[in-house]
Each structure stands twice: as structure tokens, then as C-alpha cells.
Protein backbone atom coordinates (compact mmCIF):
# COMPACT_ATOMS: atom_id res chain seq x y z
CA MET A 1 14.11 9.26 -3.86
CA GLU A 2 16.00 11.72 -5.92
CA THR A 3 15.54 11.99 -9.59
CA ILE A 4 19.19 11.08 -10.20
CA GLN A 5 18.70 8.18 -8.16
CA GLN A 6 15.50 7.16 -9.76
CA ASP A 7 17.33 7.42 -12.93
CA VAL A 8 20.22 5.29 -12.03
CA ILE A 9 17.72 2.68 -10.60
CA ARG A 10 15.47 2.95 -13.71
CA SER A 11 18.24 2.35 -15.93
CA ARG A 12 19.65 -0.84 -13.82
CA LEU A 13 16.19 -2.34 -13.72
CA THR A 14 15.82 -1.87 -17.49
CA SER A 15 19.18 -3.78 -17.93
CA LEU A 16 18.24 -6.52 -15.80
CA GLU A 17 14.97 -6.90 -17.58
CA GLN A 18 16.65 -7.06 -21.16
CA ALA A 19 19.24 -9.69 -19.48
CA HIS A 20 16.54 -11.84 -18.41
CA GLY A 21 14.30 -12.05 -21.60
CA GLY A 22 12.16 -8.84 -21.05
CA ILE A 23 11.11 -10.28 -17.57
CA LEU A 24 12.12 -8.54 -14.34
CA THR A 25 11.99 -10.57 -11.26
CA PRO A 26 12.80 -9.70 -7.57
CA GLU A 27 15.13 -12.51 -7.65
CA ALA A 28 17.16 -10.84 -10.45
CA VAL A 29 17.02 -7.51 -8.79
CA LEU A 30 18.47 -9.18 -5.46
CA GLU A 31 21.07 -11.22 -7.14
CA ASP A 32 22.28 -8.16 -8.83
CA ALA A 33 22.22 -6.04 -5.52
CA ARG A 34 24.39 -8.50 -3.73
CA ASN A 35 27.22 -7.14 -5.61
CA PRO A 36 28.67 -4.01 -3.88
CA ALA A 37 29.32 -2.33 -7.21
CA SER A 38 25.73 -2.64 -8.25
CA PRO A 39 23.72 1.04 -7.87
CA LEU A 40 20.96 -1.25 -5.99
CA HIS A 41 23.24 -2.48 -3.33
CA THR A 42 22.82 0.36 -1.01
CA LEU A 43 19.08 0.13 -1.27
CA PHE A 44 18.92 -3.26 0.69
CA GLU A 45 19.53 -4.25 4.53
CA TRP A 46 22.61 -6.57 4.42
CA ASP A 47 22.47 -7.15 8.14
CA GLU A 48 20.93 -10.25 8.31
CA GLN A 49 19.53 -9.87 11.69
CA LYS A 50 17.90 -6.45 10.61
CA ALA A 51 16.82 -7.99 7.53
CA ALA A 52 15.27 -10.90 9.49
CA TYR A 53 13.49 -8.81 11.97
CA SER A 54 12.01 -6.44 9.04
CA HIS A 55 10.85 -9.78 7.05
CA TRP A 56 9.33 -10.87 10.62
CA LEU A 57 7.55 -7.43 11.04
CA GLU A 58 6.19 -7.87 7.11
CA THR A 59 4.95 -11.24 8.15
CA ALA A 60 3.28 -9.94 11.05
CA ARG A 61 1.64 -7.30 9.17
CA ARG A 62 0.36 -9.87 6.61
CA ILE A 63 -1.06 -12.11 9.35
CA ILE A 64 -2.84 -9.19 10.96
CA ARG A 65 -4.44 -8.08 7.61
CA SER A 66 -5.39 -11.94 7.00
CA VAL A 67 -7.94 -11.72 9.85
CA ARG A 68 -11.58 -11.40 8.88
CA VAL A 69 -14.56 -10.50 11.25
CA VAL A 70 -18.59 -11.07 10.52
CA VAL A 71 -20.24 -7.92 11.60
CA LYS A 72 -23.89 -7.64 11.63
CA THR A 73 -25.76 -4.40 10.90
CA GLU A 74 -29.41 -3.39 11.09
CA THR A 75 -29.43 -4.20 7.32
CA ALA A 76 -26.82 -6.84 6.48
CA THR A 77 -24.32 -9.28 7.63
CA VAL A 78 -20.78 -8.36 6.28
CA GLN A 79 -17.57 -10.16 6.37
CA SER A 80 -14.73 -7.54 6.66
CA VAL A 81 -11.11 -7.29 7.78
CA ALA A 82 -10.60 -7.45 11.56
CA TYR A 83 -7.93 -4.90 12.03
CA VAL A 84 -7.18 -1.74 10.41
CA ARG A 85 -4.26 0.89 10.68
CA ALA A 86 -5.06 2.61 13.84
CA PRO A 87 -6.55 5.98 12.69
CA ASP A 88 -5.22 7.97 15.81
CA LEU A 89 -1.63 7.17 15.37
CA PRO A 90 0.65 9.38 13.43
CA GLY A 91 1.85 8.21 10.10
CA SER A 92 5.39 7.51 11.47
CA GLN A 93 4.08 4.77 14.15
CA GLN A 94 2.38 1.79 13.19
CA GLY A 95 -0.45 -0.06 15.04
CA TYR A 96 -3.98 -1.59 14.36
CA ARG A 97 -7.24 -1.10 15.97
CA SER A 98 -9.89 -3.72 15.85
CA VAL A 99 -13.01 -2.96 13.35
CA LEU A 100 -15.28 -4.16 16.18
CA ALA A 101 -13.64 -1.64 18.68
CA LEU A 102 -13.83 1.30 16.36
CA ARG A 103 -17.56 0.57 15.67
CA SER A 104 -18.00 2.32 19.26
CA ASP A 105 -16.00 5.72 18.32
CA LYS A 106 -17.69 7.49 15.45
CA ALA A 107 -14.96 9.88 15.20
CA GLN A 108 -12.20 6.92 14.79
CA SER A 109 -14.64 5.04 12.54
CA ARG A 110 -14.85 8.16 10.14
CA GLU A 111 -11.26 8.76 10.02
CA ALA A 112 -10.67 4.96 9.55
CA ILE A 113 -12.79 5.17 6.45
CA VAL A 114 -11.27 8.38 5.37
CA GLN A 115 -7.92 6.60 5.46
CA GLU A 116 -9.10 3.66 3.48
CA PHE A 117 -10.46 5.96 0.74
CA GLN A 118 -7.23 7.77 0.73
CA ARG A 119 -5.39 4.38 -0.08
CA ALA A 120 -7.94 3.50 -2.53
CA GLY A 121 -7.24 6.90 -4.10
CA ALA A 122 -3.59 6.39 -4.28
CA VAL A 123 -4.17 3.00 -5.98
CA LEU A 124 -6.55 4.63 -8.48
CA ARG A 125 -4.01 7.34 -9.39
CA ARG A 126 -1.58 4.61 -10.15
CA ALA A 127 -4.12 2.97 -12.23
CA ARG A 128 -4.85 5.97 -14.19
CA GLU A 129 -1.02 6.36 -14.90
CA LEU A 130 -0.97 3.03 -16.01
CA ALA A 131 -4.25 3.24 -17.96
CA GLU A 132 -2.84 6.35 -19.74
CA ALA A 133 0.56 4.74 -20.66
CA LEU A 134 -1.26 1.99 -22.17
CA GLU A 135 -4.06 4.43 -23.83
CA MET A 136 -6.71 2.86 -21.80
CA ARG A 137 -7.64 5.82 -19.59
CA GLU A 138 -11.41 6.12 -20.21
CA ASP A 139 -13.45 5.61 -16.97
CA VAL A 140 -10.47 5.71 -14.63
CA GLU A 141 -11.12 9.15 -13.81
CA ASP A 142 -14.76 8.74 -12.98
CA VAL A 143 -13.87 6.11 -10.53
CA ILE A 144 -11.15 8.46 -9.10
CA ASP A 145 -13.84 11.23 -8.55
CA SER A 146 -16.43 8.99 -7.00
CA VAL A 147 -13.97 7.83 -4.42
CA GLU A 148 -12.82 11.38 -3.84
CA ASP A 149 -16.39 12.37 -3.27
CA LEU A 150 -16.84 9.45 -0.82
CA LYS A 151 -13.71 10.53 1.04
CA VAL A 152 -15.33 14.10 1.49
CA ARG A 153 -18.54 12.90 2.43
CA ALA A 154 -16.81 10.53 5.01
CA LEU A 155 -14.89 13.75 6.33
CA GLU A 156 -17.94 15.64 6.52
CA ALA A 157 -20.04 13.21 8.15
CA LYS A 158 -21.35 14.05 11.87
CA VAL A 159 -19.89 12.32 14.76
């Protein structure tokens, strides 16, 4: 989003937070956004059929992510997610691959784990920003460096 739009959104959310005793809830944001004059209004899909379809897709994603699988390796038995984002699909396309199927494709396995480390890195960078804002940054940088090192090692792993 553009900086100006971010500023408008931030200001509106701050107003809603203050109007609700210092707590910002999704319900308060939605209620405000229902008003066509709200700067948040255009950020929502108001076509009920499109909104329902989008919600159903998100429910389907949540169901896919909820499935677990038990994988036995030479050294351990591990419970893992059963599906991950298909590593061979472009970023604009959605789809999942079975972890069990990925086990037989080393290149795709490596790409899947690299993508997981990228997501972990993004979450840790957000944690670093939060830790810095709360003056609690001490060890976050070390964890980020460790995840980045793992990602590089996975990228360099032989297929």
C-alpha cells in the first residue's frame, strides 16, 4: 500500500482503538468499514458472493494446513504437516503438495524447506521490529542469523 494510504489507515485504526477503550478488534474495524465514508470501506469486498467464496477458500486452506502426517526416518518418527505450499508453483498461483510426495523429489524437498525458512525469517524480522519497539531486541538477531544460515545450507544442499 502507498504510504499515504497507510497513514490514513493507521490514523483510522488509532481512532477506533481509542474509541474502544484502547482495544482494537476486527469487529470494530468491520463495523467502521461498513460506512462508505470510512477510509477502510474500499479495503473490503462487499459483494457477498465474492466475500463468501474468499472465506470458503480460506477455510479450505485452514483445513489443508490442519492435516498432520507421521513420517518415519532412519533415526526418528516425526509428526509433521501433511501438505505444504507447492514449491514449484509461481508465487501468484496457489496449491499444495503432499510432504510424503515431496520426500521422493530432492529438488522440490529442498525448495519446500527453503520456502519454510523464508517464511520463518519473515516472522522473525517482524519479531525483531516488535522487540526493538518494545526495547527487547537482545537475542532476536541471533535467531534470525541462524534461520538465514539454515536457508543457505538448504539452498546449497546437493540434490
